N, C-alpha and C. Protein backbone atom coordinates (compact mmCIF):
# COMPACT_ATOMS: atom_id res chain seq x y z
N MET A 1 -30.61 102.28 141.27
CA MET A 1 -29.53 102.38 142.23
C MET A 1 -29.22 100.98 142.76
N PRO A 2 -27.96 100.57 142.74
CA PRO A 2 -27.62 99.21 143.17
C PRO A 2 -27.78 99.08 144.68
N THR A 3 -28.26 97.92 145.11
CA THR A 3 -28.39 97.67 146.54
C THR A 3 -27.31 96.69 146.96
N SER A 4 -26.84 96.88 148.16
CA SER A 4 -25.79 96.02 148.68
C SER A 4 -26.39 94.74 149.24
N THR A 5 -25.72 93.65 148.96
CA THR A 5 -26.18 92.37 149.52
C THR A 5 -25.47 92.08 150.83
N LYS A 6 -24.57 92.95 151.22
CA LYS A 6 -23.83 92.77 152.46
C LYS A 6 -24.77 93.01 153.64
N ARG A 7 -24.79 92.06 154.55
CA ARG A 7 -25.64 92.19 155.73
C ARG A 7 -24.78 92.58 156.93
N THR A 8 -25.31 93.46 157.73
CA THR A 8 -24.57 93.85 158.93
C THR A 8 -24.82 92.84 160.03
N THR A 9 -23.78 92.60 160.80
CA THR A 9 -23.88 91.65 161.90
C THR A 9 -23.86 92.41 163.21
N PRO A 10 -24.67 92.00 164.17
CA PRO A 10 -24.64 92.66 165.46
C PRO A 10 -23.25 92.56 166.08
N ALA A 11 -22.92 93.55 166.91
CA ALA A 11 -21.59 93.58 167.54
C ALA A 11 -21.32 92.32 168.35
N ALA A 12 -22.35 91.80 169.03
CA ALA A 12 -22.16 90.60 169.85
C ALA A 12 -21.73 89.42 169.00
N ALA A 13 -22.22 89.34 167.77
CA ALA A 13 -21.88 88.21 166.90
C ALA A 13 -20.43 88.29 166.43
N LYS A 14 -19.85 89.48 166.43
CA LYS A 14 -18.47 89.65 165.98
C LYS A 14 -17.45 89.24 167.03
N ARG A 15 -17.89 89.15 168.28
CA ARG A 15 -16.98 88.77 169.35
C ARG A 15 -16.57 87.32 169.20
N ALA A 16 -15.43 87.00 169.79
CA ALA A 16 -14.96 85.62 169.76
C ALA A 16 -15.91 84.74 170.55
N PRO A 17 -16.11 83.52 170.10
CA PRO A 17 -17.02 82.63 170.84
C PRO A 17 -16.49 82.39 172.25
N LYS A 18 -17.41 82.31 173.18
CA LYS A 18 -17.04 82.09 174.58
C LYS A 18 -16.97 80.61 174.86
N LYS A 19 -16.06 80.25 175.75
CA LYS A 19 -15.97 78.87 176.19
C LYS A 19 -17.16 78.60 177.09
N SER A 20 -17.78 77.48 176.91
CA SER A 20 -18.89 77.15 177.78
C SER A 20 -18.79 75.71 178.23
N ALA A 21 -19.13 75.51 179.47
CA ALA A 21 -19.16 74.16 180.00
C ALA A 21 -20.48 73.53 179.61
N GLU A 22 -20.50 72.25 179.61
CA GLU A 22 -21.75 71.54 179.32
C GLU A 22 -22.75 71.89 180.42
N PRO A 23 -23.92 72.38 180.06
CA PRO A 23 -24.86 72.79 181.09
C PRO A 23 -25.40 71.60 181.87
N GLY A 24 -25.55 71.81 183.18
CA GLY A 24 -26.14 70.79 184.03
C GLY A 24 -27.64 70.95 184.04
N PRO A 25 -28.31 70.21 184.91
CA PRO A 25 -29.77 70.30 184.95
C PRO A 25 -30.24 71.71 185.34
N LYS A 26 -29.51 72.37 186.22
CA LYS A 26 -29.83 73.74 186.61
C LYS A 26 -28.51 74.53 186.62
N PRO A 27 -28.48 75.69 185.99
CA PRO A 27 -27.25 76.47 185.99
C PRO A 27 -26.95 77.04 187.37
N PHE A 28 -25.67 77.27 187.65
CA PHE A 28 -25.27 77.85 188.92
C PHE A 28 -23.94 78.54 188.76
N LEU A 29 -23.62 79.38 189.71
CA LEU A 29 -22.32 80.05 189.79
C LEU A 29 -21.73 79.77 191.16
N ARG A 30 -20.45 79.66 191.21
CA ARG A 30 -19.75 79.46 192.48
C ARG A 30 -18.61 80.46 192.56
N PHE A 31 -18.11 80.64 193.75
CA PHE A 31 -16.94 81.47 193.92
C PHE A 31 -15.98 80.77 194.88
N HIS A 32 -14.72 81.10 194.73
CA HIS A 32 -13.70 80.53 195.60
C HIS A 32 -13.61 81.37 196.87
N HIS A 33 -13.38 80.69 197.99
CA HIS A 33 -13.18 81.39 199.24
C HIS A 33 -12.02 80.71 199.97
N SER A 34 -11.59 81.35 201.03
CA SER A 34 -10.42 80.85 201.75
C SER A 34 -10.74 79.54 202.49
N GLN A 35 -9.70 78.81 202.79
CA GLN A 35 -9.85 77.58 203.56
C GLN A 35 -10.40 77.91 204.95
N GLU A 36 -9.98 79.04 205.51
CA GLU A 36 -10.47 79.45 206.83
C GLU A 36 -11.99 79.68 206.81
N LEU A 37 -12.47 80.32 205.73
CA LEU A 37 -13.90 80.57 205.62
C LEU A 37 -14.66 79.25 205.40
N ARG A 38 -14.05 78.34 204.70
CA ARG A 38 -14.69 77.03 204.50
C ARG A 38 -14.83 76.30 205.82
N VAL A 39 -13.77 76.32 206.62
CA VAL A 39 -13.80 75.65 207.93
C VAL A 39 -14.87 76.30 208.81
N LYS A 40 -14.89 77.63 208.82
CA LYS A 40 -15.89 78.35 209.60
C LYS A 40 -17.30 78.01 209.12
N THR A 41 -17.50 77.95 207.81
CA THR A 41 -18.80 77.62 207.24
C THR A 41 -19.26 76.25 207.72
N LEU A 42 -18.39 75.27 207.63
CA LEU A 42 -18.75 73.92 208.05
C LEU A 42 -19.04 73.86 209.55
N GLU A 43 -18.27 74.59 210.35
CA GLU A 43 -18.50 74.61 211.80
C GLU A 43 -19.87 75.21 212.14
N VAL A 44 -20.21 76.32 211.49
CA VAL A 44 -21.50 76.96 211.76
C VAL A 44 -22.64 76.07 211.28
N LEU A 45 -22.51 75.50 210.09
CA LEU A 45 -23.57 74.62 209.59
C LEU A 45 -23.79 73.43 210.52
N GLU A 46 -22.71 72.83 210.99
CA GLU A 46 -22.82 71.69 211.91
C GLU A 46 -23.45 72.11 213.22
N ALA A 47 -23.11 73.30 213.72
CA ALA A 47 -23.69 73.79 214.98
C ALA A 47 -25.20 73.99 214.83
N VAL A 48 -25.60 74.63 213.73
CA VAL A 48 -27.04 74.89 213.52
C VAL A 48 -27.78 73.57 213.31
N GLU A 49 -27.25 72.73 212.45
CA GLU A 49 -27.92 71.47 212.12
C GLU A 49 -27.96 70.49 213.29
N GLY A 50 -26.97 70.57 214.17
CA GLY A 50 -26.90 69.64 215.29
C GLY A 50 -27.57 70.14 216.56
N ALA A 51 -28.04 71.35 216.54
CA ALA A 51 -28.64 71.94 217.74
C ALA A 51 -30.07 71.46 217.94
N GLU A 52 -30.44 71.35 219.21
CA GLU A 52 -31.83 71.02 219.52
C GLU A 52 -32.75 72.15 219.05
N LYS A 53 -32.30 73.38 219.23
CA LYS A 53 -33.02 74.55 218.73
C LYS A 53 -32.05 75.34 217.85
N ALA A 54 -32.28 75.29 216.56
CA ALA A 54 -31.39 75.96 215.61
C ALA A 54 -31.36 77.47 215.83
N THR A 55 -32.44 78.03 216.36
CA THR A 55 -32.51 79.48 216.55
C THR A 55 -31.45 80.00 217.51
N VAL A 56 -30.92 79.11 218.36
CA VAL A 56 -29.85 79.51 219.28
C VAL A 56 -28.63 80.00 218.49
N HIS A 57 -28.46 79.48 217.30
CA HIS A 57 -27.29 79.80 216.48
C HIS A 57 -27.61 80.76 215.33
N SER A 58 -28.75 81.41 215.36
CA SER A 58 -29.13 82.28 214.24
C SER A 58 -28.15 83.44 214.06
N GLY A 59 -27.58 83.94 215.14
CA GLY A 59 -26.58 85.01 215.03
C GLY A 59 -25.34 84.57 214.28
N GLN A 60 -24.86 83.37 214.60
CA GLN A 60 -23.69 82.83 213.90
C GLN A 60 -23.99 82.62 212.43
N LEU A 61 -25.16 82.10 212.14
CA LEU A 61 -25.55 81.85 210.75
C LEU A 61 -25.66 83.17 210.00
N THR A 62 -26.21 84.17 210.65
CA THR A 62 -26.32 85.49 210.02
C THR A 62 -24.95 86.03 209.66
N GLU A 63 -24.02 85.98 210.59
CA GLU A 63 -22.67 86.49 210.32
C GLU A 63 -22.00 85.69 209.21
N LEU A 64 -22.24 84.39 209.16
CA LEU A 64 -21.69 83.56 208.10
C LEU A 64 -22.26 83.97 206.74
N VAL A 65 -23.56 84.14 206.66
CA VAL A 65 -24.20 84.54 205.40
C VAL A 65 -23.63 85.88 204.94
N LEU A 66 -23.46 86.81 205.87
CA LEU A 66 -22.90 88.12 205.50
C LEU A 66 -21.46 87.99 205.01
N GLU A 67 -20.68 87.16 205.67
CA GLU A 67 -19.28 86.98 205.25
C GLU A 67 -19.20 86.31 203.88
N LEU A 68 -20.04 85.31 203.65
CA LEU A 68 -20.06 84.65 202.34
C LEU A 68 -20.52 85.62 201.25
N THR A 69 -21.50 86.45 201.57
CA THR A 69 -21.99 87.44 200.61
C THR A 69 -20.89 88.43 200.26
N ASP A 70 -20.19 88.93 201.27
CA ASP A 70 -19.08 89.86 201.03
C ASP A 70 -18.00 89.22 200.17
N CYS A 71 -17.67 87.99 200.47
CA CYS A 71 -16.63 87.28 199.72
C CYS A 71 -17.06 87.09 198.26
N GLY A 72 -18.29 86.69 198.05
CA GLY A 72 -18.79 86.48 196.70
C GLY A 72 -18.83 87.78 195.90
N MET A 73 -19.32 88.84 196.52
CA MET A 73 -19.40 90.14 195.82
C MET A 73 -18.00 90.63 195.48
N ASP A 74 -17.07 90.43 196.39
CA ASP A 74 -15.69 90.84 196.13
C ASP A 74 -15.13 90.06 194.95
N GLN A 75 -15.34 88.76 194.95
CA GLN A 75 -14.76 87.96 193.87
C GLN A 75 -15.43 88.21 192.53
N TYR A 76 -16.75 88.27 192.51
CA TYR A 76 -17.45 88.46 191.25
C TYR A 76 -17.29 89.86 190.67
N PHE A 77 -17.16 90.86 191.53
CA PHE A 77 -17.17 92.22 191.03
C PHE A 77 -15.83 92.94 191.21
N LEU A 78 -15.37 93.09 192.43
CA LEU A 78 -14.15 93.87 192.66
C LEU A 78 -12.92 93.22 192.05
N GLN A 79 -12.79 91.90 192.21
CA GLN A 79 -11.63 91.22 191.63
C GLN A 79 -11.66 91.30 190.11
N SER A 80 -12.86 91.29 189.54
CA SER A 80 -12.98 91.43 188.08
C SER A 80 -12.49 92.80 187.63
N LEU A 81 -12.83 93.82 188.40
CA LEU A 81 -12.36 95.16 188.06
C LEU A 81 -10.83 95.24 188.12
N LYS A 82 -10.27 94.63 189.14
CA LYS A 82 -8.81 94.64 189.28
C LYS A 82 -8.16 93.89 188.13
N ALA A 83 -8.79 92.79 187.72
CA ALA A 83 -8.24 91.98 186.63
C ALA A 83 -8.25 92.74 185.31
N THR A 84 -9.24 93.62 185.11
CA THR A 84 -9.31 94.40 183.88
C THR A 84 -8.44 95.65 183.97
N LYS A 85 -7.80 95.80 185.11
CA LYS A 85 -6.92 96.95 185.36
C LYS A 85 -7.67 98.27 185.23
N ALA A 86 -8.91 98.26 185.75
CA ALA A 86 -9.68 99.50 185.79
C ALA A 86 -8.91 100.51 186.62
N ASN A 87 -9.07 101.78 186.30
CA ASN A 87 -8.28 102.77 187.02
C ASN A 87 -8.68 102.82 188.49
N PHE A 88 -7.80 103.42 189.28
CA PHE A 88 -7.94 103.46 190.73
C PHE A 88 -9.25 104.09 191.16
N VAL A 89 -9.65 105.17 190.53
CA VAL A 89 -10.88 105.87 190.90
C VAL A 89 -12.10 104.96 190.68
N VAL A 90 -12.12 104.23 189.58
CA VAL A 90 -13.22 103.31 189.30
C VAL A 90 -13.25 102.21 190.36
N GLN A 91 -12.09 101.65 190.67
CA GLN A 91 -12.03 100.59 191.68
C GLN A 91 -12.51 101.09 193.04
N GLN A 92 -12.06 102.28 193.42
CA GLN A 92 -12.46 102.84 194.72
C GLN A 92 -13.95 103.18 194.75
N SER A 93 -14.46 103.68 193.65
CA SER A 93 -15.89 103.99 193.57
C SER A 93 -16.72 102.72 193.71
N ALA A 94 -16.29 101.67 193.05
CA ALA A 94 -16.99 100.39 193.13
C ALA A 94 -16.93 99.83 194.55
N ALA A 95 -15.76 99.90 195.16
CA ALA A 95 -15.61 99.40 196.53
C ALA A 95 -16.48 100.18 197.50
N LEU A 96 -16.54 101.48 197.33
CA LEU A 96 -17.37 102.32 198.20
C LEU A 96 -18.85 102.00 197.99
N GLY A 97 -19.26 101.85 196.74
CA GLY A 97 -20.64 101.51 196.45
C GLY A 97 -21.03 100.16 197.03
N LEU A 98 -20.16 99.17 196.88
CA LEU A 98 -20.45 97.85 197.44
C LEU A 98 -20.49 97.89 198.96
N SER A 99 -19.66 98.70 199.55
CA SER A 99 -19.67 98.84 201.01
C SER A 99 -21.03 99.34 201.48
N GLY A 100 -21.57 100.31 200.79
CA GLY A 100 -22.90 100.83 201.14
C GLY A 100 -23.97 99.78 200.96
N VAL A 101 -23.89 99.05 199.87
CA VAL A 101 -24.86 97.97 199.60
C VAL A 101 -24.78 96.91 200.70
N GLN A 102 -23.57 96.56 201.09
CA GLN A 102 -23.39 95.53 202.10
C GLN A 102 -23.95 95.96 203.45
N LYS A 103 -23.85 97.23 203.77
CA LYS A 103 -24.41 97.72 205.04
C LYS A 103 -25.93 97.60 205.03
N VAL A 104 -26.54 98.00 203.92
CA VAL A 104 -28.00 97.89 203.81
C VAL A 104 -28.42 96.43 203.82
N MET A 105 -27.74 95.62 203.03
CA MET A 105 -28.07 94.19 202.98
C MET A 105 -27.88 93.54 204.35
N GLY A 106 -26.83 93.95 205.05
CA GLY A 106 -26.56 93.38 206.36
C GLY A 106 -27.72 93.58 207.31
N THR A 107 -28.29 94.77 207.30
CA THR A 107 -29.44 95.06 208.16
C THR A 107 -30.63 94.18 207.78
N VAL A 108 -30.88 94.08 206.49
CA VAL A 108 -32.01 93.27 206.01
C VAL A 108 -31.78 91.80 206.35
N ILE A 109 -30.60 91.29 206.08
CA ILE A 109 -30.29 89.88 206.33
C ILE A 109 -30.40 89.57 207.83
N ARG A 110 -29.89 90.46 208.67
CA ARG A 110 -29.99 90.25 210.12
C ARG A 110 -31.45 90.18 210.56
N ASN A 111 -32.27 91.07 210.04
CA ASN A 111 -33.69 91.06 210.40
C ASN A 111 -34.39 89.79 209.93
N ILE A 112 -34.10 89.38 208.72
CA ILE A 112 -34.77 88.19 208.17
C ILE A 112 -34.34 86.92 208.89
N ILE A 113 -33.03 86.70 208.98
CA ILE A 113 -32.55 85.47 209.63
C ILE A 113 -32.91 85.48 211.11
N GLY A 114 -32.87 86.64 211.73
CA GLY A 114 -33.22 86.74 213.15
C GLY A 114 -34.67 86.35 213.44
N ARG A 115 -35.54 86.42 212.45
CA ARG A 115 -36.95 86.07 212.63
C ARG A 115 -37.30 84.67 212.14
N MET A 116 -36.33 83.94 211.62
CA MET A 116 -36.61 82.61 211.10
C MET A 116 -36.77 81.60 212.23
N ASP A 117 -37.58 80.58 211.96
CA ASP A 117 -37.73 79.49 212.92
C ASP A 117 -36.71 78.41 212.59
N ASP A 118 -36.72 77.36 213.41
CA ASP A 118 -35.73 76.28 213.24
C ASP A 118 -35.76 75.69 211.83
N ARG A 119 -36.94 75.38 211.33
CA ARG A 119 -37.09 74.77 210.01
C ARG A 119 -36.50 75.66 208.92
N GLN A 120 -36.76 76.95 209.01
CA GLN A 120 -36.26 77.89 208.00
C GLN A 120 -34.74 78.02 208.07
N LEU A 121 -34.19 78.05 209.28
CA LEU A 121 -32.73 78.12 209.43
C LEU A 121 -32.07 76.88 208.85
N LEU A 122 -32.67 75.73 209.08
CA LEU A 122 -32.12 74.49 208.52
C LEU A 122 -32.20 74.50 207.00
N SER A 123 -33.21 75.13 206.46
CA SER A 123 -33.32 75.26 205.01
C SER A 123 -32.19 76.14 204.45
N VAL A 124 -31.87 77.21 205.16
CA VAL A 124 -30.74 78.06 204.75
C VAL A 124 -29.45 77.25 204.76
N CYS A 125 -29.26 76.47 205.82
CA CYS A 125 -28.06 75.62 205.90
C CYS A 125 -28.00 74.64 204.74
N ASP A 126 -29.14 74.04 204.42
CA ASP A 126 -29.20 73.09 203.31
C ASP A 126 -28.81 73.78 201.99
N SER A 127 -29.30 74.99 201.80
CA SER A 127 -28.96 75.72 200.57
C SER A 127 -27.47 76.01 200.51
N ILE A 128 -26.88 76.42 201.61
CA ILE A 128 -25.44 76.70 201.64
C ILE A 128 -24.66 75.43 201.31
N ARG A 129 -25.07 74.32 201.88
CA ARG A 129 -24.38 73.04 201.59
C ARG A 129 -24.49 72.70 200.09
N LYS A 130 -25.63 72.96 199.49
CA LYS A 130 -25.79 72.69 198.06
C LYS A 130 -24.89 73.59 197.22
N PHE A 131 -24.72 74.84 197.66
CA PHE A 131 -23.82 75.74 196.93
C PHE A 131 -22.38 75.26 197.04
N MET A 132 -22.05 74.59 198.13
CA MET A 132 -20.68 74.12 198.36
C MET A 132 -20.37 72.86 197.57
N ALA A 133 -21.40 72.14 197.14
CA ALA A 133 -21.18 70.85 196.47
C ALA A 133 -20.52 71.02 195.12
């Protein structure tokens, strides 16, 4: 019985090659946000970093982290669904699911940031600044 010399290729190999940027020393992802959120971010970071006791501003930093998280999740996930023209029910289901996740995350983030000391809060600010670079 004759055997075929044709080899099957995985589905991923059949896809068109993806454009890729030259990798840096460490990979990262960024998202776009509004100018208003950028101004707010810089104001909160400056307030925390310039304070004698950073913990005085932990509430502001918490709200900023939550707002940045919401913005990033919206851009990475919900906007992608809209771009693919997913049907309305799928979009609404995703939005509802993310809303639930954000509520749970919000509670956790508030508890964690609320218990941080000055050094830890400054470290969070440093990380946010690095993400902005």
